[in-house]
Amino acid sequence: MINDDDHFNTLRKIEKNPQSTQRYLANELGFSLGKLNYCLRALKKKGLVKINNFKKSKKKINYIYVLTPKGISAKTKLTLKFMERKMREYDELKKEIEK
């Protein structure tokens, strides 16, 4: 199942390197190709990512992944949620250590 963390991490990777191949992105994220494809389709359906193809050579077609304005906004919101969760985890661990 795809969760907010998966979407957040995928958006981050796409923003850093929009010309990444699906195989590269899947490897970087620790996803199977199927899971990445499913995630990319969900992000596209939500309007967070545009997927454009371009010809790298006469025989091969590659894709470029572009965050839409809605995607940039969603990434920002997901970043804030991620940071809030990590701060809570930090505070909980700190309390445990103090005990």
PDB file of N, CA and C in Angstrom:
ATOM      1  N   MET A   1       0.845  -1.179   0.000  1.00  0.00           N
ATOM      2  CA  MET A   1       0.000   0.000   0.000  1.00  0.00           C
ATOM      3  C   MET A   1       0.898   1.253   0.000  1.00  0.00           C
ATOM      4  N   ILE A   2       0.489   2.249  -0.734  1.00  0.00           N
ATOM      5  CA  ILE A   2       1.221   3.511  -0.833  1.00  0.00           C
ATOM      6  C   ILE A   2       0.714   4.446   0.257  1.00  0.00           C
ATOM      7  N   ASN A   3       1.639   5.058   0.994  1.00  0.00           N
ATOM      8  CA  ASN A   3       1.253   5.980   2.054  1.00  0.00           C
ATOM      9  C   ASN A   3       1.851   7.365   1.793  1.00  0.00           C
ATOM     10  N   ASP A   4       1.567   8.304   2.690  1.00  0.00           N
ATOM     11  CA  ASP A   4       2.068   9.672   2.534  1.00  0.00           C
ATOM     12  C   ASP A   4       3.587   9.725   2.475  1.00  0.00           C
ATOM     13  N   ASP A   5       4.266   8.883   3.254  1.00  0.00           N
ATOM     14  CA  ASP A   5       5.729   8.874   3.231  1.00  0.00           C
ATOM     15  C   ASP A   5       6.247   8.460   1.851  1.00  0.00           C
ATOM     16  N   ASP A   6       5.587   7.477   1.245  1.00  0.00           N
ATOM     17  CA  ASP A   6       5.987   7.045  -0.096  1.00  0.00           C
ATOM     18  C   ASP A   6       5.804   8.175  -1.103  1.00  0.00           C
ATOM     19  N   HIS A   7       4.664   8.859  -1.015  1.00  0.00           N
ATOM     20  CA  HIS A   7       4.415   9.992  -1.915  1.00  0.00           C
ATOM     21  C   HIS A   7       5.432  11.104  -1.660  1.00  0.00           C
ATOM     22  N   PHE A   8       5.680  11.407  -0.409  1.00  0.00           N
ATOM     23  CA  PHE A   8       6.635  12.463  -0.043  1.00  0.00           C
ATOM     24  C   PHE A   8       8.023  12.143  -0.597  1.00  0.00           C
ATOM     25  N   ASN A   9       8.499  10.940  -0.360  1.00  0.00           N
ATOM     26  CA  ASN A   9       9.834  10.557  -0.825  1.00  0.00           C
ATOM     27  C   ASN A   9       9.920  10.533  -2.343  1.00  0.00           C
ATOM     28  N   THR A  10       8.860  10.088  -3.000  1.00  0.00           N
ATOM     29  CA  THR A  10       8.844  10.081  -4.465  1.00  0.00           C
ATOM     30  C   THR A  10       8.880  11.507  -5.005  1.00  0.00           C
ATOM     31  N   LEU A  11       8.086  12.396  -4.426  1.00  0.00           N
ATOM     32  CA  LEU A  11       8.094  13.796  -4.860  1.00  0.00           C
ATOM     33  C   LEU A  11       9.469  14.422  -4.657  1.00  0.00           C
ATOM     34  N   ARG A  12      10.108  14.110  -3.549  1.00  0.00           N
ATOM     35  CA  ARG A  12      11.457  14.648  -3.288  1.00  0.00           C
ATOM     36  C   ARG A  12      12.457  14.169  -4.341  1.00  0.00           C
ATOM     37  N   LYS A  13      12.427  12.886  -4.647  1.00  0.00           N
ATOM     38  CA  LYS A  13      13.361  12.333  -5.635  1.00  0.00           C
ATOM     39  C   LYS A  13      13.108  12.919  -7.016  1.00  0.00           C
ATOM     40  N   ILE A  14      11.843  13.068  -7.385  1.00  0.00           N
ATOM     41  CA  ILE A  14      11.501  13.634  -8.692  1.00  0.00           C
ATOM     42  C   ILE A  14      11.968  15.086  -8.780  1.00  0.00           C
ATOM     43  N   GLU A  15      11.767  15.826  -7.706  1.00  0.00           N
ATOM     44  CA  GLU A  15      12.173  17.236  -7.717  1.00  0.00           C
ATOM     45  C   GLU A  15      13.690  17.361  -7.893  1.00  0.00           C
ATOM     46  N   LYS A  16      14.441  16.474  -7.251  1.00  0.00           N
ATOM     47  CA  LYS A  16      15.906  16.519  -7.348  1.00  0.00           C
ATOM     48  C   LYS A  16      16.415  16.103  -8.718  1.00  0.00           C
ATOM     49  N   ASN A  17      15.740  15.138  -9.339  1.00  0.00           N
ATOM     50  CA  ASN A  17      16.226  14.625 -10.623  1.00  0.00           C
ATOM     51  C   ASN A  17      15.040  14.221 -11.504  1.00  0.00           C
ATOM     52  N   PRO A  18      14.417  15.200 -12.193  1.00  0.00           N
ATOM     53  CA  PRO A  18      13.213  14.915 -12.981  1.00  0.00           C
ATOM     54  C   PRO A  18      13.428  13.952 -14.144  1.00  0.00           C
ATOM     55  N   GLN A  19      14.659  13.771 -14.588  1.00  0.00           N
ATOM     56  CA  GLN A  19      14.919  12.887 -15.716  1.00  0.00           C
ATOM     57  C   GLN A  19      15.324  11.482 -15.287  1.00  0.00           C
ATOM     58  N   SER A  20      15.106  11.158 -14.027  1.00  0.00           N
ATOM     59  CA  SER A  20      15.426   9.815 -13.529  1.00  0.00           C
ATOM     60  C   SER A  20      14.580   8.772 -14.244  1.00  0.00           C
ATOM     61  N   THR A  21      15.156   7.613 -14.419  1.00  0.00           N
ATOM     62  CA  THR A  21      14.372   6.498 -14.948  1.00  0.00           C
ATOM     63  C   THR A  21      13.560   5.892 -13.808  1.00  0.00           C
ATOM     64  N   GLN A  22      12.523   5.168 -14.178  1.00  0.00           N
ATOM     65  CA  GLN A  22      11.737   4.485 -13.144  1.00  0.00           C
ATOM     66  C   GLN A  22      12.597   3.475 -12.404  1.00  0.00           C
ATOM     67  N   ARG A  23      13.469   2.808 -13.102  1.00  0.00           N
ATOM     68  CA  ARG A  23      14.341   1.821 -12.458  1.00  0.00           C
ATOM     69  C   ARG A  23      15.230   2.503 -11.417  1.00  0.00           C
ATOM     70  N   TYR A  24      15.788   3.667 -11.765  1.00  0.00           N
ATOM     71  CA  TYR A  24      16.633   4.421 -10.835  1.00  0.00           C
ATOM     72  C   TYR A  24      15.815   4.883  -9.627  1.00  0.00           C
ATOM     73  N   LEU A  25      14.648   5.469  -9.884  1.00  0.00           N
ATOM     74  CA  LEU A  25      13.803   5.938  -8.782  1.00  0.00           C
ATOM     75  C   LEU A  25      13.406   4.788  -7.862  1.00  0.00           C
ATOM     76  N   ALA A  26      13.000   3.670  -8.456  1.00  0.00           N
ATOM     77  CA  ALA A  26      12.606   2.506  -7.650  1.00  0.00           C
ATOM     78  C   ALA A  26      13.759   2.050  -6.772  1.00  0.00           C
ATOM     79  N   ASN A  27      14.942   1.988  -7.335  1.00  0.00           N
ATOM     80  CA  ASN A  27      16.121   1.573  -6.585  1.00  0.00           C
ATOM     81  C   ASN A  27      16.421   2.559  -5.457  1.00  0.00           C
ATOM     82  N   GLU A  28      16.392   3.839  -5.739  1.00  0.00           N
ATOM     83  CA  GLU A  28      16.673   4.869  -4.731  1.00  0.00           C
ATOM     84  C   GLU A  28      15.659   4.844  -3.588  1.00  0.00           C
ATOM     85  N   LEU A  29      14.411   4.558  -3.917  1.00  0.00           N
ATOM     86  CA  LEU A  29      13.338   4.566  -2.922  1.00  0.00           C
ATOM     87  C   LEU A  29      13.152   3.214  -2.238  1.00  0.00           C
ATOM     88  N   GLY A  30      13.794   2.176  -2.764  1.00  0.00           N
ATOM     89  CA  GLY A  30      13.608   0.836  -2.201  1.00  0.00           C
ATOM     90  C   GLY A  30      12.260   0.243  -2.581  1.00  0.00           C
ATOM     91  N   PHE A  31      11.716   0.649  -3.730  1.00  0.00           N
ATOM     92  CA  PHE A  31      10.430   0.163  -4.231  1.00  0.00           C
ATOM     93  C   PHE A  31      10.672  -0.855  -5.333  1.00  0.00           C
ATOM     94  N   SER A  32       9.692  -1.692  -5.545  1.00  0.00           N
ATOM     95  CA  SER A  32       9.687  -2.501  -6.767  1.00  0.00           C
ATOM     96  C   SER A  32       9.269  -1.567  -7.903  1.00  0.00           C
ATOM     97  N   LEU A  33       9.540  -1.961  -9.138  1.00  0.00           N
ATOM     98  CA  LEU A  33       9.101  -1.147 -10.274  1.00  0.00           C
ATOM     99  C   LEU A  33       7.581  -1.007 -10.292  1.00  0.00           C
ATOM    100  N   GLY A  34       6.889  -2.071  -9.936  1.00  0.00           N
ATOM    101  CA  GLY A  34       5.424  -2.032  -9.890  1.00  0.00           C
ATOM    102  C   GLY A  34       4.912  -1.029  -8.874  1.00  0.00           C
ATOM    103  N   LYS A  35       5.517  -1.027  -7.688  1.00  0.00           N
ATOM    104  CA  LYS A  35       5.093  -0.089  -6.655  1.00  0.00           C
ATOM    105  C   LYS A  35       5.372   1.344  -7.092  1.00  0.00           C
ATOM    106  N   LEU A  36       6.529   1.587  -7.690  1.00  0.00           N
ATOM    107  CA  LEU A  36       6.840   2.937  -8.153  1.00  0.00           C
ATOM    108  C   LEU A  36       5.859   3.369  -9.231  1.00  0.00           C
ATOM    109  N   ASN A  37       5.578   2.488 -10.171  1.00  0.00           N
ATOM    110  CA  ASN A  37       4.642   2.821 -11.240  1.00  0.00           C
ATOM    111  C   ASN A  37       3.266   3.158 -10.658  1.00  0.00           C
ATOM    112  N   TYR A  38       2.830   2.373  -9.701  1.00  0.00           N
ATOM    113  CA  TYR A  38       1.548   2.613  -9.031  1.00  0.00           C
ATOM    114  C   TYR A  38       1.564   3.973  -8.331  1.00  0.00           C
ATOM    115  N   CYS A  39       2.657   4.280  -7.651  1.00  0.00           N
ATOM    116  CA  CYS A  39       2.802   5.548  -6.937  1.00  0.00           C
ATOM    117  C   CYS A  39       2.790   6.721  -7.923  1.00  0.00           C
ATOM    118  N   LEU A  40       3.535   6.598  -9.022  1.00  0.00           N
ATOM    119  CA  LEU A  40       3.579   7.665 -10.025  1.00  0.00           C
ATOM    120  C   LEU A  40       2.204   7.907 -10.640  1.00  0.00           C
ATOM    121  N   ARG A  41       1.493   6.843 -10.912  1.00  0.00           N
ATOM    122  CA  ARG A  41       0.138   6.993 -11.464  1.00  0.00           C
ATOM    123  C   ARG A  41      -0.788   7.691 -10.474  1.00  0.00           C
ATOM    124  N   ALA A  42      -0.661   7.354  -9.191  1.00  0.00           N
ATOM    125  CA  ALA A  42      -1.489   8.001  -8.163  1.00  0.00           C
ATOM    126  C   ALA A  42      -1.154   9.487  -8.067  1.00  0.00           C
ATOM    127  N   LEU A  43       0.137   9.811  -8.113  1.00  0.00           N
ATOM    128  CA  LEU A  43       0.548  11.216  -8.055  1.00  0.00           C
ATOM    129  C   LEU A  43       0.060  11.977  -9.286  1.00  0.00           C
ATOM    130  N   LYS A  44       0.098  11.325 -10.432  1.00  0.00           N
ATOM    131  CA  LYS A  44      -0.397  11.950 -11.662  1.00  0.00           C
ATOM    132  C   LYS A  44      -1.908  12.168 -11.574  1.00  0.00           C
ATOM    133  N   LYS A  45      -2.619  11.150 -11.089  1.00  0.00           N
ATOM    134  CA  LYS A  45      -4.076  11.240 -10.975  1.00  0.00           C
ATOM    135  C   LYS A  45      -4.492  12.367 -10.032  1.00  0.00           C
ATOM    136  N   LYS A  46      -3.705  12.590  -8.976  1.00  0.00           N
ATOM    137  CA  LYS A  46      -3.981  13.675  -8.026  1.00  0.00           C
ATOM    138  C   LYS A  46      -3.574  15.036  -8.580  1.00  0.00           C
ATOM    139  N   GLY A  47      -2.906  15.035  -9.724  1.00  0.00           N
ATOM    140  CA  GLY A  47      -2.468  16.288 -10.329  1.00  0.00           C
ATOM    141  C   GLY A  47      -1.196  16.842  -9.712  1.00  0.00           C
ATOM    142  N   LEU A  48      -0.411  15.981  -9.048  1.00  0.00           N
ATOM    143  CA  LEU A  48       0.802  16.432  -8.374  1.00  0.00           C
ATOM    144  C   LEU A  48       2.040  16.319  -9.265  1.00  0.00           C
ATOM    145  N   VAL A  49       1.963  15.463 -10.290  1.00  0.00           N
ATOM    146  CA  VAL A  49       3.096  15.225 -11.174  1.00  0.00           C
ATOM    147  C   VAL A  49       2.596  15.178 -12.618  1.00  0.00           C
ATOM    148  N   LYS A  50       3.375  15.789 -13.499  1.00  0.00           N
ATOM    149  CA  LYS A  50       3.153  15.628 -14.934  1.00  0.00           C
ATOM    150  C   LYS A  50       4.207  14.657 -15.432  1.00  0.00           C
ATOM    151  N   ILE A  51       3.801  13.769 -16.287  1.00  0.00           N
ATOM    152  CA  ILE A  51       4.730  12.810 -16.860  1.00  0.00           C
ATOM    153  C   ILE A  51       4.776  13.077 -18.361  1.00  0.00           C
ATOM    154  N   ASN A  52       5.894  13.577 -18.823  1.00  0.00           N
ATOM    155  CA  ASN A  52       6.070  13.882 -20.242  1.00  0.00           C
ATOM    156  C   ASN A  52       7.106  12.943 -20.825  1.00  0.00           C
ATOM    157  N   ASN A  53       6.861  12.478 -22.032  1.00  0.00           N
ATOM    158  CA  ASN A  53       7.872  11.619 -22.650  1.00  0.00           C
ATOM    159  C   ASN A  53       8.652  12.428 -23.678  1.00  0.00           C
ATOM    160  N   PHE A  54       9.880  12.046 -23.849  1.00  0.00           N
ATOM    161  CA  PHE A  54      10.736  12.645 -24.867  1.00  0.00           C
ATOM    162  C   PHE A  54      11.606  11.549 -25.442  1.00  0.00           C
ATOM    163  N   LYS A  55      12.017  11.747 -26.663  1.00  0.00           N
ATOM    164  CA  LYS A  55      12.835  10.717 -27.320  1.00  0.00           C
ATOM    165  C   LYS A  55      14.293  10.973 -27.023  1.00  0.00           C
ATOM    166  N   LYS A  56      14.915   9.990 -26.395  1.00  0.00           N
ATOM    167  CA  LYS A  56      16.346  10.060 -26.104  1.00  0.00           C
ATOM    168  C   LYS A  56      17.134   9.636 -27.343  1.00  0.00           C
ATOM    169  N   SER A  57      16.609   8.686 -28.051  1.00  0.00           N
ATOM    170  CA  SER A  57      17.194   8.242 -29.312  1.00  0.00           C
ATOM    171  C   SER A  57      16.042   7.766 -30.190  1.00  0.00           C
ATOM    172  N   LYS A  58      16.344   7.307 -31.350  1.00  0.00           N
ATOM    173  CA  LYS A  58      15.287   6.874 -32.269  1.00  0.00           C
ATOM    174  C   LYS A  58      14.529   5.653 -31.758  1.00  0.00           C
ATOM    175  N   LYS A  59      15.195   4.828 -30.964  1.00  0.00           N
ATOM    176  CA  LYS A  59      14.574   3.583 -30.528  1.00  0.00           C
ATOM    177  C   LYS A  59      14.005   3.629 -29.115  1.00  0.00           C
ATOM    178  N   LYS A  60      14.459   4.568 -28.281  1.00  0.00           N
ATOM    179  CA  LYS A  60      14.057   4.574 -26.879  1.00  0.00           C
ATOM    180  C   LYS A  60      13.245   5.816 -26.547  1.00  0.00           C
ATOM    181  N   ILE A  61      12.305   5.660 -25.659  1.00  0.00           N
ATOM    182  CA  ILE A  61      11.526   6.795 -25.155  1.00  0.00           C
ATOM    183  C   ILE A  61      11.741   6.854 -23.650  1.00  0.00           C
ATOM    184  N   ASN A  62      12.107   8.009 -23.153  1.00  0.00           N
ATOM    185  CA  ASN A  62      12.248   8.231 -21.710  1.00  0.00           C
ATOM    186  C   ASN A  62      11.192   9.221 -21.251  1.00  0.00           C
ATOM    187  N   TYR A  63      11.083   9.369 -19.965  1.00  0.00           N
ATOM    188  CA  TYR A  63      10.094  10.261 -19.384  1.00  0.00           C
ATOM    189  C   TYR A  63      10.787  11.302 -18.531  1.00  0.00           C
ATOM    190  N   ILE A  64      10.144  12.443 -18.434  1.00  0.00           N
ATOM    191  CA  ILE A  64      10.577  13.468 -17.496  1.00  0.00           C
ATOM    192  C   ILE A  64       9.400  13.695 -16.556  1.00  0.00           C
ATOM    193  N   TYR A  65       9.687  13.747 -15.286  1.00  0.00           N
ATOM    194  CA  TYR A  65       8.661  13.905 -14.267  1.00  0.00           C
ATOM    195  C   TYR A  65       8.756  15.328 -13.722  1.00  0.00           C
ATOM    196  N   VAL A  66       7.646  16.038 -13.759  1.00  0.00           N
ATOM    197  CA  VAL A  66       7.635  17.444 -13.345  1.00  0.00           C
ATOM    198  C   VAL A  66       6.594  17.623 -12.249  1.00  0.00           C
ATOM    199  N   LEU A  67       7.024  18.230 -11.134  1.00  0.00           N
ATOM    200  CA  LEU A  67       6.057  18.563 -10.096  1.00  0.00           C
ATOM    201  C   LEU A  67       5.208  19.729 -10.580  1.00  0.00           C
ATOM    202  N   THR A  68       3.913  19.587 -10.449  1.00  0.00           N
ATOM    203  CA  THR A  68       3.004  20.675 -10.787  1.00  0.00           C
ATOM    204  C   THR A  68       2.984  21.656  -9.618  1.00  0.00           C
ATOM    205  N   PRO A  69       2.416  22.852  -9.793  1.00  0.00           N
ATOM    206  CA  PRO A  69       2.266  23.752  -8.638  1.00  0.00           C
ATOM    207  C   PRO A  69       1.531  23.069  -7.484  1.00  0.00           C
ATOM    208  N   LYS A  70       0.520  22.281  -7.819  1.00  0.00           N
ATOM    209  CA  LYS A  70      -0.207  21.515  -6.787  1.00  0.00           C
ATOM    210  C   LYS A  70       0.718  20.496  -6.130  1.00  0.00           C
ATOM    211  N   GLY A  71       1.613  19.899  -6.927  1.00  0.00           N
ATOM    212  CA  GLY A  71       2.574  18.929  -6.400  1.00  0.00           C
ATOM    213  C   GLY A  71       3.579  19.575  -5.471  1.00  0.00           C
ATOM    214  N   ILE A  72       4.031  20.779  -5.822  1.00  0.00           N
ATOM    215  CA  ILE A  72       4.969  21.509  -4.961  1.00  0.00           C
ATOM    216  C   ILE A  72       4.299  21.846  -3.633  1.00  0.00           C
ATOM    217  N   SER A  73       3.044  22.284  -3.707  1.00  0.00           N
ATOM    218  CA  SER A  73       2.296  22.594  -2.486  1.00  0.00           C
ATOM    219  C   SER A  73       2.103  21.342  -1.627  1.00  0.00           C
ATOM    220  N   ALA A  74       1.747  20.235  -2.268  1.00  0.00           N
ATOM    221  CA  ALA A  74       1.554  18.978  -1.528  1.00  0.00           C
ATOM    222  C   ALA A  74       2.856  18.520  -0.890  1.00  0.00           C
ATOM    223  N   LYS A  75       3.965  18.658  -1.615  1.00  0.00           N
ATOM    224  CA  LYS A  75       5.275  18.271  -1.071  1.00  0.00           C
ATOM    225  C   LYS A  75       5.596  19.109   0.162  1.00  0.00           C
ATOM    226  N   THR A  76       5.290  20.388   0.111  1.00  0.00           N
ATOM    227  CA  THR A  76       5.529  21.262   1.257  1.00  0.00           C
ATOM    228  C   THR A  76       4.710  20.814   2.460  1.00  0.00           C
ATOM    229  N   LYS A  77       3.444  20.506   2.236  1.00  0.00           N
ATOM    230  CA  LYS A  77       2.577  20.042   3.333  1.00  0.00           C
ATOM    231  C   LYS A  77       3.072  18.712   3.890  1.00  0.00           C
ATOM    232  N   LEU A  78       3.459  17.810   2.997  1.00  0.00           N
ATOM    233  CA  LEU A  78       3.977  16.516   3.446  1.00  0.00           C
ATOM    234  C   LEU A  78       5.288  16.685   4.206  1.00  0.00           C
ATOM    235  N   THR A  79       6.103  17.648   3.797  1.00  0.00           N
ATOM    236  CA  THR A  79       7.358  17.926   4.502  1.00  0.00           C
ATOM    237  C   THR A  79       7.068  18.381   5.927  1.00  0.00           C
ATOM    238  N   LEU A  80       6.097  19.269   6.082  1.00  0.00           N
ATOM    239  CA  LEU A  80       5.734  19.750   7.418  1.00  0.00           C
ATOM    240  C   LEU A  80       5.210  18.611   8.289  1.00  0.00           C
ATOM    241  N   LYS A  81       4.352  17.760   7.723  1.00  0.00           N
ATOM    242  CA  LYS A  81       3.836  16.617   8.482  1.00  0.00           C
ATOM    243  C   LYS A  81       4.971  15.691   8.885  1.00  0.00           C
ATOM    244  N   PHE A  82       5.903  15.454   7.964  1.00  0.00           N
ATOM    245  CA  PHE A  82       7.049  14.597   8.236  1.00  0.00           C
ATOM    246  C   PHE A  82       7.883  15.165   9.379  1.00  0.00           C
ATOM    247  N   MET A  83       8.165  16.463   9.326  1.00  0.00           N
ATOM    248  CA  MET A  83       8.966  17.108  10.365  1.00  0.00           C
ATOM    249  C   MET A  83       8.256  17.082  11.720  1.00  0.00           C
ATOM    250  N   GLU A  84       6.958  17.322  11.727  1.00  0.00           N
ATOM    251  CA  GLU A  84       6.195  17.266  12.977  1.00  0.00           C
ATOM    252  C   GLU A  84       6.260  15.875  13.588  1.00  0.00           C
ATOM    253  N   ARG A  85       6.113  14.850  12.748  1.00  0.00           N
ATOM    254  CA  ARG A  85       6.163  13.466  13.240  1.00  0.00           C
ATOM    255  C   ARG A  85       7.540  13.138  13.797  1.00  0.00           C
ATOM    256  N   LYS A  86       8.586  13.569  13.106  1.00  0.00           N
ATOM    257  CA  LYS A  86       9.954  13.304  13.571  1.00  0.00           C
ATOM    258  C   LYS A  86      10.247  14.034  14.883  1.00  0.00           C
ATOM    259  N   MET A  87       9.714  15.238  15.040  1.00  0.00           N
ATOM    260  CA  MET A  87       9.907  15.980  16.294  1.00  0.00           C
ATOM    261  C   MET A  87       9.196  15.277  17.450  1.00  0.00           C
ATOM    262  N   ARG A  88       7.989  14.757  17.182  1.00  0.00           N
ATOM    263  CA  ARG A  88       7.281  14.003  18.226  1.00  0.00           C
ATOM    264  C   ARG A  88       8.069  12.758  18.607  1.00  0.00           C
ATOM    265  N   GLU A  89       8.582  12.045  17.608  1.00  0.00           N
ATOM    266  CA  GLU A  89       9.381  10.849  17.875  1.00  0.00           C
ATOM    267  C   GLU A  89      10.629  11.201  18.680  1.00  0.00           C
ATOM    268  N   TYR A  90      11.263  12.290  18.347  1.00  0.00           N
ATOM    269  CA  TYR A  90      12.447  12.750  19.073  1.00  0.00           C
ATOM    270  C   TYR A  90      12.091  13.037  20.528  1.00  0.00           C
ATOM    271  N   ASP A  91      10.991  13.759  20.745  1.00  0.00           N
ATOM    272  CA  ASP A  91      10.574  14.086  22.108  1.00  0.00           C
ATOM    273  C   ASP A  91      10.257  12.826  22.909  1.00  0.00           C
ATOM    274  N   GLU A  92       9.601  11.853  22.279  1.00  0.00           N
ATOM    275  CA  GLU A  92       9.285  10.592  22.958  1.00  0.00           C
ATOM    276  C   GLU A  92      10.556   9.826  23.321  1.00  0.00           C
ATOM    277  N   LEU A  93      11.500   9.756  22.404  1.00  0.00           N
ATOM    278  CA  LEU A  93      12.768   9.077  22.690  1.00  0.00           C
ATOM    279  C   LEU A  93      13.542   9.782  23.790  1.00  0.00           C
ATOM    280  N   LYS A  94      13.520  11.087  23.773  1.00  0.00           N
ATOM    281  CA  LYS A  94      14.214  11.861  24.800  1.00  0.00           C
ATOM    282  C   LYS A  94      13.635  11.563  26.184  1.00  0.00           C
ATOM    283  N   LYS A  95      12.296  11.479  26.256  1.00  0.00           N
ATOM    284  CA  LYS A  95      11.633  11.158  27.531  1.00  0.00           C
ATOM    285  C   LYS A  95      12.011   9.751  28.005  1.00  0.00           C
ATOM    286  N   GLU A  96      12.057   8.796  27.059  1.00  0.00           N
ATOM    287  CA  GLU A  96      12.434   7.433  27.409  1.00  0.00           C
ATOM    288  C   GLU A  96      13.857   7.365  27.957  1.00  0.00           C
ATOM    289  N   ILE A  97      14.751   8.090  27.341  1.00  0.00           N
ATOM    290  CA  ILE A  97      16.145   8.098  27.754  1.00  0.00           C
ATOM    291  C   ILE A  97      16.292   8.725  29.141  1.00  0.00           C
ATOM    292  N   GLU A  98      15.517   9.752  29.405  1.00  0.00           N
ATOM    293  CA  GLU A  98      15.578  10.435  30.702  1.00  0.00           C
ATOM    294  C   GLU A  98      15.080   9.555  31.841  1.00  0.00           C
ATOM    295  N   LYS A  99      14.205   8.582  31.523  1.00  0.00           N
ATOM    296  CA  LYS A  99      13.676   7.683  32.569  1.00  0.00           C
ATOM    297  C   LYS A  99      14.681   6.716  32.956  1.00  0.00           C
TER     298      LYS A  99
END
